[in-house]
Amino acid sequence: MAHPKYELPKDDPHAKYHYEMAMKHVEAAKKAGKSTAELHEIFKKCMSVDLDHLPTAAAAANTSPFW
């Protein structure tokens, strides 16, 4: 079964970057043996990150990675 092509939103200036970073995380998770459901969840989380309101480095140090 072929995976449908993801259409980048036209109104989001960060859409291409979101997609590239999401796929980078998905590929790493796939190599780590994550399930398809987990891969989709990682993709959704990466695509929902608001790049205009990222936490500071100090706040980010107290959080876990996407997967």
Protein backbone atom coordinates (compact mmCIF):
# COMPACT_ATOMS: atom_id res chain seq x y z
CA MET A 1 0.00 0.00 0.00
CA ALA A 2 1.42 3.36 -1.01
CA HIS A 3 1.39 6.14 1.53
CA PRO A 4 -0.57 9.20 0.36
CA LYS A 5 1.50 12.28 -0.49
CA TYR A 6 1.37 14.91 2.23
CA GLU A 7 0.27 18.28 0.88
CA LEU A 8 2.10 21.20 2.50
CA PRO A 9 -0.23 23.96 3.74
CA LYS A 10 0.01 27.03 1.52
CA ASP A 11 -0.59 29.47 4.40
CA ASP A 12 2.26 28.25 6.64
CA PRO A 13 5.70 29.75 5.87
CA HIS A 14 7.32 27.02 7.99
CA ALA A 15 5.51 24.08 6.36
CA LYS A 16 8.47 22.78 4.35
CA TYR A 17 10.78 22.93 7.38
CA HIS A 18 8.15 21.25 9.57
CA TYR A 19 7.80 18.46 7.02
CA GLU A 20 11.55 17.92 6.64
CA MET A 21 12.09 17.80 10.41
CA ALA A 22 9.07 15.53 10.90
CA MET A 23 10.42 13.09 8.34
CA LYS A 24 13.87 13.20 9.96
CA HIS A 25 12.33 12.23 13.32
CA VAL A 26 10.12 9.59 11.69
CA GLU A 27 13.10 7.97 9.95
CA ALA A 28 15.06 7.86 13.22
CA ALA A 29 12.07 6.36 15.02
CA LYS A 30 11.58 3.82 12.23
CA LYS A 31 15.22 2.71 12.60
CA ALA A 32 14.59 2.40 16.35
CA GLY A 33 11.77 -0.07 15.64
CA LYS A 34 8.75 2.10 16.43
CA SER A 35 5.32 0.96 15.23
CA THR A 36 3.39 2.59 12.38
CA ALA A 37 1.01 4.18 14.90
CA GLU A 38 3.97 5.63 16.81
CA LEU A 39 5.50 6.95 13.58
CA HIS A 40 2.25 8.71 12.69
CA GLU A 41 2.05 10.24 16.17
CA ILE A 42 5.63 11.53 15.88
CA PHE A 43 4.82 13.03 12.48
CA LYS A 44 1.72 14.76 13.88
CA LYS A 45 3.63 16.15 16.86
CA CYS A 46 6.42 17.51 14.69
CA MET A 47 3.96 19.10 12.28
CA SER A 48 2.09 20.81 15.13
CA VAL A 49 5.11 22.56 16.68
CA ASP A 50 4.69 26.35 16.60
CA LEU A 51 8.08 27.57 15.38
CA ASP A 52 7.20 31.17 16.24
CA HIS A 53 6.79 30.27 19.93
CA LEU A 54 9.52 27.77 20.77
CA PRO A 55 10.55 27.32 24.40
CA THR A 56 13.84 28.70 25.62
CA ALA A 57 16.83 26.37 25.81
CA ALA A 58 16.45 26.16 29.61
CA ALA A 59 12.79 25.14 29.34
CA ALA A 60 13.52 22.67 26.55
CA ALA A 61 16.21 20.99 28.67
CA ASN A 62 13.48 19.91 31.10
CA THR A 63 11.39 18.09 28.45
CA SER A 64 11.70 14.75 26.73
CA PRO A 65 12.16 14.31 22.95
CA PHE A 66 9.18 13.55 20.70
CA TRP A 67 9.73 9.82 20.95
